[in-house]
């Protein structure tokens, strides 16, 4: 389809929210999910976070094999099988081992650590996304037509100067979004923050309530080469999977860029 893996003309922009890394480079293509406050029970969130933190600490067997191969090829320090006693290696272990190597080798080890953190962040994102899509829970404020329309228009409004809007779907308690950031625009997390802040204020006015509307943390994924089509179909088919409609085009609160429609 048209497009669209992440472009990297400027250095990656990485920040942390809570304990999760967010990689939002200028000009990147992003799959974003954000949800209503309280839409996932706190016990479920805690469980997912514990799983994430546990997986982050220990390398899986296949990961260990790759690390072992990489370390054995670094010639500036003697490789030791003792590092892999009991076929276990933690991130803390690898960070201690890293000190023994030259600056060039350290960069290779740091690359392993970054990939591990990114991989576990993606798994955590998927767990949250899968739960949202298979366990729709209150509040369902986004199914109120006035609020759904407000958020629909808000996403379109921000498109002009900030991003190329490829697709989105507004579900009863969350939104999926696929965009390509405009490099001359502000950093993407700031755009999203402003967007959510405005829609929260206006949605609360419609509801005649005060208090938190969105969960503060959004879940983002930098779209890599070969992922665009799969993510696009995932977003558009969300209402179909939930049983709301038989064809994604029948869902009033979904959008797909005209350049992509001809490919369906």
C-alpha atoms as a PDB file:
ATOM      1  CA  UNK A   1       0.000   0.000   0.000  1.00  0.00           C
ATOM      2  CA  UNK A   2       1.007   3.618  -0.029  1.00  0.00           C
ATOM      3  CA  UNK A   3       3.593   4.023   2.160  1.00  0.00           C
ATOM      4  CA  UNK A   4       4.592   3.700   4.822  1.00  0.00           C
ATOM      5  CA  UNK A   5       7.260   2.451   7.064  1.00  0.00           C
ATOM      6  CA  UNK A   6       8.930   4.789   9.460  1.00  0.00           C
ATOM      7  CA  UNK A   7      11.240   7.452   8.023  1.00  0.00           C
ATOM      8  CA  UNK A   8      14.314   8.332  10.048  1.00  0.00           C
ATOM      9  CA  UNK A   9      15.677  11.621   8.697  1.00  0.00           C
ATOM     10  CA  UNK A  10      16.049  12.978  12.215  1.00  0.00           C
ATOM     11  CA  UNK A  11      17.421  11.115  15.225  1.00  0.00           C
ATOM     12  CA  UNK A  12      14.996   8.925  17.137  1.00  0.00           C
ATOM     13  CA  UNK A  13      13.048  10.659  19.836  1.00  0.00           C
ATOM     14  CA  UNK A  14      12.637   8.412  22.837  1.00  0.00           C
ATOM     15  CA  UNK A  15      10.957   9.104  26.148  1.00  0.00           C
ATOM     16  CA  UNK A  16       9.646   7.112  29.093  1.00  0.00           C
ATOM     17  CA  UNK A  17       6.166   7.248  30.592  1.00  0.00           C
ATOM     18  CA  UNK A  18       5.800   5.227  33.766  1.00  0.00           C
ATOM     19  CA  UNK A  19       8.137   2.297  33.080  1.00  0.00           C
ATOM     20  CA  UNK A  20       7.430   2.053  29.354  1.00  0.00           C
ATOM     21  CA  UNK A  21       9.687   3.390  26.569  1.00  0.00           C
ATOM     22  CA  UNK A  22       8.088   5.415  23.779  1.00  0.00           C
ATOM     23  CA  UNK A  23       9.958   5.781  20.491  1.00  0.00           C
ATOM     24  CA  UNK A  24       8.424   8.583  18.411  1.00  0.00           C
ATOM     25  CA  UNK A  25      10.902   9.818  15.769  1.00  0.00           C
ATOM     26  CA  UNK A  26      10.122  12.843  13.646  1.00  0.00           C
ATOM     27  CA  UNK A  27       8.500  11.674  10.396  1.00  0.00           C
ATOM     28  CA  UNK A  28       7.678   8.240  11.813  1.00  0.00           C
ATOM     29  CA  UNK A  29       4.518   6.256  11.162  1.00  0.00           C
ATOM     30  CA  UNK A  30       2.747   5.310  14.390  1.00  0.00           C
ATOM     31  CA  UNK A  31       0.029   2.927  15.518  1.00  0.00           C
ATOM     32  CA  UNK A  32      -1.547   4.549  18.575  1.00  0.00           C
ATOM     33  CA  UNK A  33      -4.131   3.273  21.048  1.00  0.00           C
ATOM     34  CA  UNK A  34      -5.618   5.407  23.783  1.00  0.00           C
ATOM     35  CA  UNK A  35      -8.512   4.531  26.050  1.00  0.00           C
ATOM     36  CA  UNK A  36     -11.020   5.926  28.481  1.00  0.00           C
ATOM     37  CA  UNK A  37     -10.109   6.249  32.136  1.00  0.00           C
ATOM     38  CA  UNK A  38     -11.075   3.063  33.992  1.00  0.00           C
ATOM     39  CA  UNK A  39     -11.718   0.999  30.848  1.00  0.00           C
ATOM     40  CA  UNK A  40      -9.360  -1.746  32.061  1.00  0.00           C
ATOM     41  CA  UNK A  41      -9.641  -2.912  35.710  1.00  0.00           C
ATOM     42  CA  UNK A  42      -6.678  -1.840  37.829  1.00  0.00           C
ATOM     43  CA  UNK A  43      -6.003  -5.484  38.788  1.00  0.00           C
ATOM     44  CA  UNK A  44      -5.592  -6.383  35.108  1.00  0.00           C
ATOM     45  CA  UNK A  45      -3.255  -3.432  34.545  1.00  0.00           C
ATOM     46  CA  UNK A  46      -1.146  -4.494  37.541  1.00  0.00           C
ATOM     47  CA  UNK A  47      -0.977  -8.040  36.193  1.00  0.00           C
ATOM     48  CA  UNK A  48       0.173  -6.843  32.771  1.00  0.00           C
ATOM     49  CA  UNK A  49       2.793  -4.566  34.343  1.00  0.00           C
ATOM     50  CA  UNK A  50       4.139  -7.380  36.520  1.00  0.00           C
ATOM     51  CA  UNK A  51       4.392  -9.623  33.462  1.00  0.00           C
ATOM     52  CA  UNK A  52       6.131  -6.858  31.519  1.00  0.00           C
ATOM     53  CA  UNK A  53       8.662  -6.208  34.268  1.00  0.00           C
ATOM     54  CA  UNK A  54       9.326  -9.915  34.731  1.00  0.00           C
ATOM     55  CA  UNK A  55       9.847 -10.491  30.995  1.00  0.00           C
ATOM     56  CA  UNK A  56      12.056  -7.428  30.833  1.00  0.00           C
ATOM     57  CA  UNK A  57      14.481  -8.840  33.381  1.00  0.00           C
ATOM     58  CA  UNK A  58      15.078 -12.300  31.885  1.00  0.00           C
ATOM     59  CA  UNK A  59      16.154 -13.184  28.366  1.00  0.00           C
ATOM     60  CA  UNK A  60      14.339 -16.037  26.623  1.00  0.00           C
ATOM     61  CA  UNK A  61      16.297 -19.100  25.357  1.00  0.00           C
ATOM     62  CA  UNK A  62      16.381 -17.891  21.732  1.00  0.00           C
ATOM     63  CA  UNK A  63      17.480 -14.450  22.885  1.00  0.00           C
ATOM     64  CA  UNK A  64      20.256 -16.027  24.957  1.00  0.00           C
ATOM     65  CA  UNK A  65      21.606 -17.859  21.931  1.00  0.00           C
ATOM     66  CA  UNK A  66      21.837 -14.620  19.980  1.00  0.00           C
ATOM     67  CA  UNK A  67      23.522 -12.824  22.872  1.00  0.00           C
ATOM     68  CA  UNK A  68      25.973 -15.675  23.354  1.00  0.00           C
ATOM     69  CA  UNK A  69      26.919 -15.534  19.675  1.00  0.00           C
ATOM     70  CA  UNK A  70      27.381 -11.760  19.772  1.00  0.00           C
ATOM     71  CA  UNK A  71      29.513 -11.779  22.920  1.00  0.00           C
ATOM     72  CA  UNK A  72      31.713 -14.643  21.683  1.00  0.00           C
ATOM     73  CA  UNK A  73      32.544 -12.602  18.573  1.00  0.00           C
ATOM     74  CA  UNK A  74      33.767  -9.586  20.538  1.00  0.00           C
ATOM     75  CA  UNK A  75      37.546  -9.961  20.627  1.00  0.00           C
ATOM     76  CA  UNK A  76      38.443  -7.315  23.190  1.00  0.00           C
ATOM     77  CA  UNK A  77      37.512  -9.421  26.233  1.00  0.00           C
ATOM     78  CA  UNK A  78      37.607 -13.146  26.889  1.00  0.00           C
ATOM     79  CA  UNK A  79      34.207 -14.758  26.522  1.00  0.00           C
ATOM     80  CA  UNK A  80      33.026 -16.797  29.521  1.00  0.00           C
ATOM     81  CA  UNK A  81      30.389 -19.552  29.541  1.00  0.00           C
ATOM     82  CA  UNK A  82      29.905 -18.785  33.238  1.00  0.00           C
ATOM     83  CA  UNK A  83      27.865 -15.762  32.184  1.00  0.00           C
ATOM     84  CA  UNK A  84      25.204 -18.220  31.068  1.00  0.00           C
ATOM     85  CA  UNK A  85      25.120 -20.541  34.095  1.00  0.00           C
ATOM     86  CA  UNK A  86      21.740 -22.292  34.382  1.00  0.00           C
ATOM     87  CA  UNK A  87      20.890 -20.868  30.964  1.00  0.00           C
ATOM     88  CA  UNK A  88      19.827 -17.603  32.571  1.00  0.00           C
ATOM     89  CA  UNK A  89      20.932 -14.049  32.011  1.00  0.00           C
ATOM     90  CA  UNK A  90      19.265 -10.893  33.268  1.00  0.00           C
ATOM     91  CA  UNK A  91      19.477  -7.358  31.939  1.00  0.00           C
ATOM     92  CA  UNK A  92      21.402  -6.407  35.098  1.00  0.00           C
ATOM     93  CA  UNK A  93      23.902  -9.219  34.382  1.00  0.00           C
ATOM     94  CA  UNK A  94      24.433  -7.943  30.854  1.00  0.00           C
ATOM     95  CA  UNK A  95      24.883  -4.382  32.062  1.00  0.00           C
ATOM     96  CA  UNK A  96      27.619  -5.593  34.463  1.00  0.00           C
ATOM     97  CA  UNK A  97      29.308  -7.600  31.699  1.00  0.00           C
ATOM     98  CA  UNK A  98      29.212  -4.556  29.411  1.00  0.00           C
ATOM     99  CA  UNK A  99      31.661  -2.701  31.670  1.00  0.00           C
ATOM    100  CA  UNK A 100      34.408  -5.194  30.788  1.00  0.00           C
ATOM    101  CA  UNK A 101      34.361  -4.333  27.066  1.00  0.00           C
ATOM    102  CA  UNK A 102      35.712  -1.519  24.908  1.00  0.00           C
ATOM    103  CA  UNK A 103      33.514   1.410  23.865  1.00  0.00           C
ATOM    104  CA  UNK A 104      32.857  -0.114  20.437  1.00  0.00           C
ATOM    105  CA  UNK A 105      31.772  -3.437  21.931  1.00  0.00           C
ATOM    106  CA  UNK A 106      29.701  -1.657  24.563  1.00  0.00           C
ATOM    107  CA  UNK A 107      27.640  -0.109  21.767  1.00  0.00           C
ATOM    108  CA  UNK A 108      26.782  -3.580  20.452  1.00  0.00           C
ATOM    109  CA  UNK A 109      25.725  -4.707  23.910  1.00  0.00           C
ATOM    110  CA  UNK A 110      23.696  -1.522  24.405  1.00  0.00           C
ATOM    111  CA  UNK A 111      21.949  -2.309  21.128  1.00  0.00           C
ATOM    112  CA  UNK A 112      20.931  -5.713  22.544  1.00  0.00           C
ATOM    113  CA  UNK A 113      19.524  -4.016  25.646  1.00  0.00           C
ATOM    114  CA  UNK A 114      17.548  -1.484  23.605  1.00  0.00           C
ATOM    115  CA  UNK A 115      16.065  -4.202  21.404  1.00  0.00           C
ATOM    116  CA  UNK A 116      15.036  -6.192  24.455  1.00  0.00           C
ATOM    117  CA  UNK A 117      13.262  -3.219  26.025  1.00  0.00           C
ATOM    118  CA  UNK A 118      11.528  -2.374  22.742  1.00  0.00           C
ATOM    119  CA  UNK A 119      10.420  -5.985  22.232  1.00  0.00           C
ATOM    120  CA  UNK A 120       8.911  -6.285  25.698  1.00  0.00           C
ATOM    121  CA  UNK A 121       7.211  -2.917  25.290  1.00  0.00           C
ATOM    122  CA  UNK A 122       5.606  -4.192  22.069  1.00  0.00           C
ATOM    123  CA  UNK A 123       4.413  -7.347  23.853  1.00  0.00           C
ATOM    124  CA  UNK A 124       2.927  -5.215  26.620  1.00  0.00           C
ATOM    125  CA  UNK A 125       1.197  -3.029  24.009  1.00  0.00           C
ATOM    126  CA  UNK A 126      -0.299  -6.135  22.401  1.00  0.00           C
ATOM    127  CA  UNK A 127      -1.575  -7.470  25.732  1.00  0.00           C
ATOM    128  CA  UNK A 128      -3.375  -4.193  26.436  1.00  0.00           C
ATOM    129  CA  UNK A 129      -4.740  -3.979  22.903  1.00  0.00           C
ATOM    130  CA  UNK A 130      -5.983  -7.570  22.882  1.00  0.00           C
ATOM    131  CA  UNK A 131      -7.696  -7.096  26.231  1.00  0.00           C
ATOM    132  CA  UNK A 132      -9.427  -3.909  25.078  1.00  0.00           C
ATOM    133  CA  UNK A 133     -10.674  -5.546  21.901  1.00  0.00           C
ATOM    134  CA  UNK A 134     -11.975  -8.711  23.557  1.00  0.00           C
ATOM    135  CA  UNK A 135     -13.227  -7.290  26.881  1.00  0.00           C
ATOM    136  CA  UNK A 136     -15.168  -4.111  26.220  1.00  0.00           C
ATOM    137  CA  UNK A 137     -15.889  -2.628  29.629  1.00  0.00           C
ATOM    138  CA  UNK A 138     -17.443   0.585  30.879  1.00  0.00           C
ATOM    139  CA  UNK A 139     -17.246   3.479  30.619  1.00  0.00           C
ATOM    140  CA  UNK A 140     -18.636   3.574  27.056  1.00  0.00           C
ATOM    141  CA  UNK A 141     -18.670   7.342  26.617  1.00  0.00           C
ATOM    142  CA  UNK A 142     -17.326   7.078  23.063  1.00  0.00           C
ATOM    143  CA  UNK A 143     -20.499   5.368  21.859  1.00  0.00           C
ATOM    144  CA  UNK A 144     -22.474   8.536  22.600  1.00  0.00           C
ATOM    145  CA  UNK A 145     -22.868  10.037  19.096  1.00  0.00           C
ATOM    146  CA  UNK A 146     -21.989  13.596  20.131  1.00  0.00           C
ATOM    147  CA  UNK A 147     -18.762  12.461  21.822  1.00  0.00           C
ATOM    148  CA  UNK A 148     -17.827  10.091  19.006  1.00  0.00           C
ATOM    149  CA  UNK A 149     -18.368  12.904  16.482  1.00  0.00           C
ATOM    150  CA  UNK A 150     -16.322  15.307  18.594  1.00  0.00           C
ATOM    151  CA  UNK A 151     -13.368  12.893  18.618  1.00  0.00           C
ATOM    152  CA  UNK A 152     -13.803  12.094  14.924  1.00  0.00           C
ATOM    153  CA  UNK A 153     -13.651  15.800  14.047  1.00  0.00           C
ATOM    154  CA  UNK A 154     -10.765  16.357  16.467  1.00  0.00           C
ATOM    155  CA  UNK A 155      -8.606  13.723  14.770  1.00  0.00           C
ATOM    156  CA  UNK A 156      -9.347  15.273  11.387  1.00  0.00           C
ATOM    157  CA  UNK A 157      -8.684  18.811  12.640  1.00  0.00           C
ATOM    158  CA  UNK A 158      -5.171  17.979  13.868  1.00  0.00           C
ATOM    159  CA  UNK A 159      -4.304  16.300  10.567  1.00  0.00           C
ATOM    160  CA  UNK A 160      -3.747  19.536   8.638  1.00  0.00           C
ATOM    161  CA  UNK A 161      -0.452  20.632  10.194  1.00  0.00           C
ATOM    162  CA  UNK A 162       0.642  17.667  12.276  1.00  0.00           C
ATOM    163  CA  UNK A 163       0.302  14.294  10.541  1.00  0.00           C
ATOM    164  CA  UNK A 164      -0.964  12.285   7.599  1.00  0.00           C
ATOM    165  CA  UNK A 165      -4.045  10.488   8.841  1.00  0.00           C
ATOM    166  CA  UNK A 166      -4.223   7.006   7.346  1.00  0.00           C
ATOM    167  CA  UNK A 167      -6.931   5.390   9.439  1.00  0.00           C
ATOM    168  CA  UNK A 168      -8.689   5.328  12.775  1.00  0.00           C
ATOM    169  CA  UNK A 169     -11.601   3.670  14.485  1.00  0.00           C
ATOM    170  CA  UNK A 170     -13.484   4.942  17.505  1.00  0.00           C
ATOM    171  CA  UNK A 171     -14.681   2.095  19.699  1.00  0.00           C
ATOM    172  CA  UNK A 172     -16.968   2.504  22.751  1.00  0.00           C
ATOM    173  CA  UNK A 173     -14.051   2.845  25.169  1.00  0.00           C
ATOM    174  CA  UNK A 174     -10.888   3.320  23.082  1.00  0.00           C
ATOM    175  CA  UNK A 175      -9.462   4.683  19.836  1.00  0.00           C
ATOM    176  CA  UNK A 176      -7.027   3.079  17.374  1.00  0.00           C
ATOM    177  CA  UNK A 177      -5.076   5.461  15.156  1.00  0.00           C
ATOM    178  CA  UNK A 178      -2.582   5.112  12.274  1.00  0.00           C
ATOM    179  CA  UNK A 179      -0.672   8.262  11.277  1.00  0.00           C
ATOM    180  CA  UNK A 180       2.552   9.490   9.714  1.00  0.00           C
ATOM    181  CA  UNK A 181       4.024  12.429  11.582  1.00  0.00           C
ATOM    182  CA  UNK A 182       4.924  15.577   9.604  1.00  0.00           C
ATOM    183  CA  UNK A 183       8.573  16.261  10.309  1.00  0.00           C
ATOM    184  CA  UNK A 184       8.113  20.031  10.577  1.00  0.00           C
ATOM    185  CA  UNK A 185       5.351  19.606  13.178  1.00  0.00           C
ATOM    186  CA  UNK A 186       5.904  19.550  16.960  1.00  0.00           C
ATOM    187  CA  UNK A 187       7.107  16.306  18.507  1.00  0.00           C
ATOM    188  CA  UNK A 188       4.313  13.746  18.252  1.00  0.00           C
ATOM    189  CA  UNK A 189       3.754  13.074  21.954  1.00  0.00           C
ATOM    190  CA  UNK A 190       2.980  16.776  22.384  1.00  0.00           C
ATOM    191  CA  UNK A 191       0.460  16.682  19.525  1.00  0.00           C
ATOM    192  CA  UNK A 192      -1.264  13.692  21.083  1.00  0.00           C
ATOM    193  CA  UNK A 193      -1.245  15.323  24.513  1.00  0.00           C
ATOM    194  CA  UNK A 194      -2.941  18.461  23.156  1.00  0.00           C
ATOM    195  CA  UNK A 195      -5.420  16.413  21.160  1.00  0.00           C
ATOM    196  CA  UNK A 196      -6.458  14.343  24.172  1.00  0.00           C
ATOM    197  CA  UNK A 197      -6.626  17.369  26.445  1.00  0.00           C
ATOM    198  CA  UNK A 198      -9.014  19.223  24.128  1.00  0.00           C
ATOM    199  CA  UNK A 199     -11.274  16.225  23.503  1.00  0.00           C
ATOM    200  CA  UNK A 200     -11.367  15.390  27.225  1.00  0.00           C
ATOM    201  CA  UNK A 201     -12.502  18.903  28.132  1.00  0.00           C
ATOM    202  CA  UNK A 202     -15.207  19.033  25.450  1.00  0.00           C
ATOM    203  CA  UNK A 203     -16.382  15.469  26.104  1.00  0.00           C
ATOM    204  CA  UNK A 204     -16.748  16.198  29.810  1.00  0.00           C
ATOM    205  CA  UNK A 205     -18.818  19.251  28.945  1.00  0.00           C
ATOM    206  CA  UNK A 206     -21.185  17.043  26.962  1.00  0.00           C
ATOM    207  CA  UNK A 207     -21.354  14.564  29.844  1.00  0.00           C
ATOM    208  CA  UNK A 208     -21.782  17.375  32.377  1.00  0.00           C
ATOM    209  CA  UNK A 209     -19.050  15.855  34.514  1.00  0.00           C
ATOM    210  CA  UNK A 210     -15.607  16.709  35.840  1.00  0.00           C
ATOM    211  CA  UNK A 211     -12.588  14.509  36.280  1.00  0.00           C
ATOM    212  CA  UNK A 212     -10.261  12.372  34.241  1.00  0.00           C
ATOM    213  CA  UNK A 213     -11.598  11.337  30.836  1.00  0.00           C
ATOM    214  CA  UNK A 214      -8.662   9.552  29.166  1.00  0.00           C
ATOM    215  CA  UNK A 215      -6.088   7.286  30.712  1.00  0.00           C
ATOM    216  CA  UNK A 216      -2.922   9.385  30.834  1.00  0.00           C
ATOM    217  CA  UNK A 217      -0.712   6.846  29.091  1.00  0.00           C
ATOM    218  CA  UNK A 218      -1.257   6.037  25.436  1.00  0.00           C
ATOM    219  CA  UNK A 219       0.220   2.973  23.765  1.00  0.00           C
ATOM    220  CA  UNK A 220       2.307   3.573  20.673  1.00  0.00           C
ATOM    221  CA  UNK A 221       4.112   1.410  18.158  1.00  0.00           C
ATOM    222  CA  UNK A 222       6.592   2.666  15.564  1.00  0.00           C
ATOM    223  CA  UNK A 223       5.470   1.021  12.309  1.00  0.00           C
ATOM    224  CA  UNK A 224       8.302  -0.853  10.628  1.00  0.00           C
ATOM    225  CA  UNK A 225       8.640  -1.928   7.010  1.00  0.00           C
ATOM    226  CA  UNK A 226       6.097  -4.613   6.135  1.00  0.00           C
ATOM    227  CA  UNK A 227       3.757  -3.880   9.080  1.00  0.00           C
ATOM    228  CA  UNK A 228       1.578  -1.146   7.610  1.00  0.00           C
ATOM    229  CA  UNK A 229      -1.026  -3.286   5.816  1.00  0.00           C
ATOM    230  CA  UNK A 230      -1.536  -5.627   8.772  1.00  0.00           C
ATOM    231  CA  UNK A 231      -2.021  -2.753  11.208  1.00  0.00           C
ATOM    232  CA  UNK A 232      -4.372  -0.918   8.854  1.00  0.00           C
ATOM    233  CA  UNK A 233      -6.615  -3.971   8.515  1.00  0.00           C
ATOM    234  CA  UNK A 234      -6.469  -4.587  12.253  1.00  0.00           C
ATOM    235  CA  UNK A 235      -7.732  -1.067  12.958  1.00  0.00           C
ATOM    236  CA  UNK A 236     -10.502  -1.084  10.358  1.00  0.00           C
ATOM    237  CA  UNK A 237     -11.725  -4.549  11.305  1.00  0.00           C
ATOM    238  CA  UNK A 238     -11.953  -3.748  15.018  1.00  0.00           C
ATOM    239  CA  UNK A 239     -15.734  -3.070  14.937  1.00  0.00           C
ATOM    240  CA  UNK A 240     -16.234  -6.220  12.851  1.00  0.00           C
ATOM    241  CA  UNK A 241     -14.300  -8.334  15.338  1.00  0.00           C
ATOM    242  CA  UNK A 242     -16.405  -6.861  18.161  1.00  0.00           C
ATOM    243  CA  UNK A 243     -19.607  -7.871  16.339  1.00  0.00           C
ATOM    244  CA  UNK A 244     -20.896  -4.329  15.798  1.00  0.00           C
ATOM    245  CA  UNK A 245     -20.988  -4.565  11.979  1.00  0.00           C
ATOM    246  CA  UNK A 246     -20.325  -7.146   9.265  1.00  0.00           C
ATOM    247  CA  UNK A 247     -18.269  -4.805   7.087  1.00  0.00           C
ATOM    248  CA  UNK A 248     -15.882  -2.168   8.430  1.00  0.00           C
ATOM    249  CA  UNK A 249     -17.329   0.419   6.029  1.00  0.00           C
ATOM    250  CA  UNK A 250     -20.618   0.212   7.905  1.00  0.00           C
ATOM    251  CA  UNK A 251     -19.055   1.490  11.122  1.00  0.00           C
ATOM    252  CA  UNK A 252     -19.825   5.203  11.316  1.00  0.00           C
ATOM    253  CA  UNK A 253     -16.810   6.028  13.443  1.00  0.00           C
ATOM    254  CA  UNK A 254     -14.076   4.568  11.254  1.00  0.00           C
ATOM    255  CA  UNK A 255     -11.961   6.431   8.729  1.00  0.00           C
ATOM    256  CA  UNK A 256      -9.620   5.290   5.961  1.00  0.00           C
ATOM    257  CA  UNK A 257      -7.612   7.647   3.779  1.00  0.00           C
ATOM    258  CA  UNK A 258      -9.026   7.881   0.210  1.00  0.00           C
ATOM    259  CA  UNK A 259      -5.666   6.832  -1.282  1.00  0.00           C
ATOM    260  CA  UNK A 260      -6.017   3.471   0.501  1.00  0.00           C
ATOM    261  CA  UNK A 261      -9.700   2.822  -0.183  1.00  0.00           C
ATOM    262  CA  UNK A 262      -9.103   1.832  -3.815  1.00  0.00           C
ATOM    263  CA  UNK A 263      -6.931  -1.053  -2.628  1.00  0.00           C
ATOM    264  CA  UNK A 264      -9.826  -2.796  -0.862  1.00  0.00           C
END
